[in-house]
Amino acid sequence: MCTFIEDYLQNPTIAILNARASADSRFAEFECDDQMIYAQISTPEFRLYEEITVS
């Protein structure tokens, strides 16, 4: 990713494909399913963050 600009100037299509592959592999380790998300939403901490950001 540090050479994205140089790669993009040489071949934009390949540079974008490489960046997407890099992002996909970077976030592949985060396993989160719907149950985990809904469990987090019901926590008091989430409600606090929600109040802070919405108000």
C-alpha atoms as a PDB file:
ATOM      1  CA  MET A   1       0.000   0.000   0.000  1.00  0.00           C
ATOM      2  CA  CYS A   2       2.933   2.332   0.494  1.00  0.00           C
ATOM      3  CA  THR A   3       3.597   2.306  -3.260  1.00  0.00           C
ATOM      4  CA  PHE A   4      -0.032   2.736  -4.297  1.00  0.00           C
ATOM      5  CA  ILE A   5       0.510   6.070  -6.028  1.00  0.00           C
ATOM      6  CA  GLU A   6       3.462   4.809  -8.030  1.00  0.00           C
ATOM      7  CA  ASP A   7       1.592   1.618  -8.924  1.00  0.00           C
ATOM      8  CA  TYR A   8      -1.506   3.605  -9.849  1.00  0.00           C
ATOM      9  CA  LEU A   9       0.454   5.834 -12.197  1.00  0.00           C
ATOM     10  CA  GLN A  10       1.843   2.782 -13.962  1.00  0.00           C
ATOM     11  CA  ASN A  11      -1.326   0.669 -14.081  1.00  0.00           C
ATOM     12  CA  PRO A  12      -4.477   1.909 -12.290  1.00  0.00           C
ATOM     13  CA  THR A  13      -6.426  -1.335 -12.634  1.00  0.00           C
ATOM     14  CA  ILE A  14      -3.718  -3.500 -11.093  1.00  0.00           C
ATOM     15  CA  ALA A  15      -3.089  -0.958  -8.325  1.00  0.00           C
ATOM     16  CA  ILE A  16      -6.766  -0.946  -7.331  1.00  0.00           C
ATOM     17  CA  LEU A  17      -6.986  -4.746  -7.416  1.00  0.00           C
ATOM     18  CA  ASN A  18      -3.885  -5.001  -5.218  1.00  0.00           C
ATOM     19  CA  ALA A  19      -5.283  -2.456  -2.755  1.00  0.00           C
ATOM     20  CA  ARG A  20      -8.575  -4.356  -2.511  1.00  0.00           C
ATOM     21  CA  ALA A  21      -6.771  -7.649  -1.964  1.00  0.00           C
ATOM     22  CA  SER A  22      -4.655  -6.049   0.728  1.00  0.00           C
ATOM     23  CA  ALA A  23      -7.718  -4.631   2.502  1.00  0.00           C
ATOM     24  CA  ASP A  24      -9.590  -7.933   2.241  1.00  0.00           C
ATOM     25  CA  SER A  25      -6.710  -9.847   3.796  1.00  0.00           C
ATOM     26  CA  ARG A  26      -6.252  -7.220   6.498  1.00  0.00           C
ATOM     27  CA  PHE A  27      -9.876  -7.431   7.650  1.00  0.00           C
ATOM     28  CA  ALA A  28     -10.312 -11.183   7.140  1.00  0.00           C
ATOM     29  CA  GLU A  29      -9.188 -11.862  10.708  1.00  0.00           C
ATOM     30  CA  PHE A  30     -12.200  -9.994  12.122  1.00  0.00           C
ATOM     31  CA  GLU A  31     -14.864 -12.596  12.476  1.00  0.00           C
ATOM     32  CA  CYS A  32     -18.118 -10.986  13.389  1.00  0.00           C
ATOM     33  CA  ASP A  33     -21.562 -12.321  12.892  1.00  0.00           C
ATOM     34  CA  ASP A  34     -25.009 -10.867  13.455  1.00  0.00           C
ATOM     35  CA  GLN A  35     -25.358 -12.382  16.921  1.00  0.00           C
ATOM     36  CA  MET A  36     -22.143 -10.764  18.108  1.00  0.00           C
ATOM     37  CA  ILE A  37     -23.194  -7.377  16.728  1.00  0.00           C
ATOM     38  CA  TYR A  38     -26.620  -7.520  18.373  1.00  0.00           C
ATOM     39  CA  ALA A  39     -25.050  -8.626  21.645  1.00  0.00           C
ATOM     40  CA  GLN A  40     -22.776  -5.585  21.609  1.00  0.00           C
ATOM     41  CA  ILE A  41     -25.614  -3.203  20.772  1.00  0.00           C
ATOM     42  CA  SER A  42     -27.482  -4.252  23.897  1.00  0.00           C
ATOM     43  CA  THR A  43     -24.598  -3.391  26.242  1.00  0.00           C
ATOM     44  CA  PRO A  44     -24.623  -0.297  28.475  1.00  0.00           C
ATOM     45  CA  GLU A  45     -21.331   0.828  26.931  1.00  0.00           C
ATOM     46  CA  PHE A  46     -22.906   0.973  23.491  1.00  0.00           C
ATOM     47  CA  ARG A  47     -25.806   3.018  24.849  1.00  0.00           C
ATOM     48  CA  LEU A  48     -23.326   5.457  26.381  1.00  0.00           C
ATOM     49  CA  TYR A  49     -21.398   5.805  23.114  1.00  0.00           C
ATOM     50  CA  GLU A  50     -24.682   6.244  21.285  1.00  0.00           C
ATOM     51  CA  GLU A  51     -25.736   9.064  23.610  1.00  0.00           C
ATOM     52  CA  ILE A  52     -22.357  10.751  23.267  1.00  0.00           C
ATOM     53  CA  THR A  53     -22.296  10.637  19.487  1.00  0.00           C
ATOM     54  CA  VAL A  54     -25.957  11.379  18.784  1.00  0.00           C
ATOM     55  CA  SER A  55     -26.385  14.310  21.139  1.00  0.00           C
END
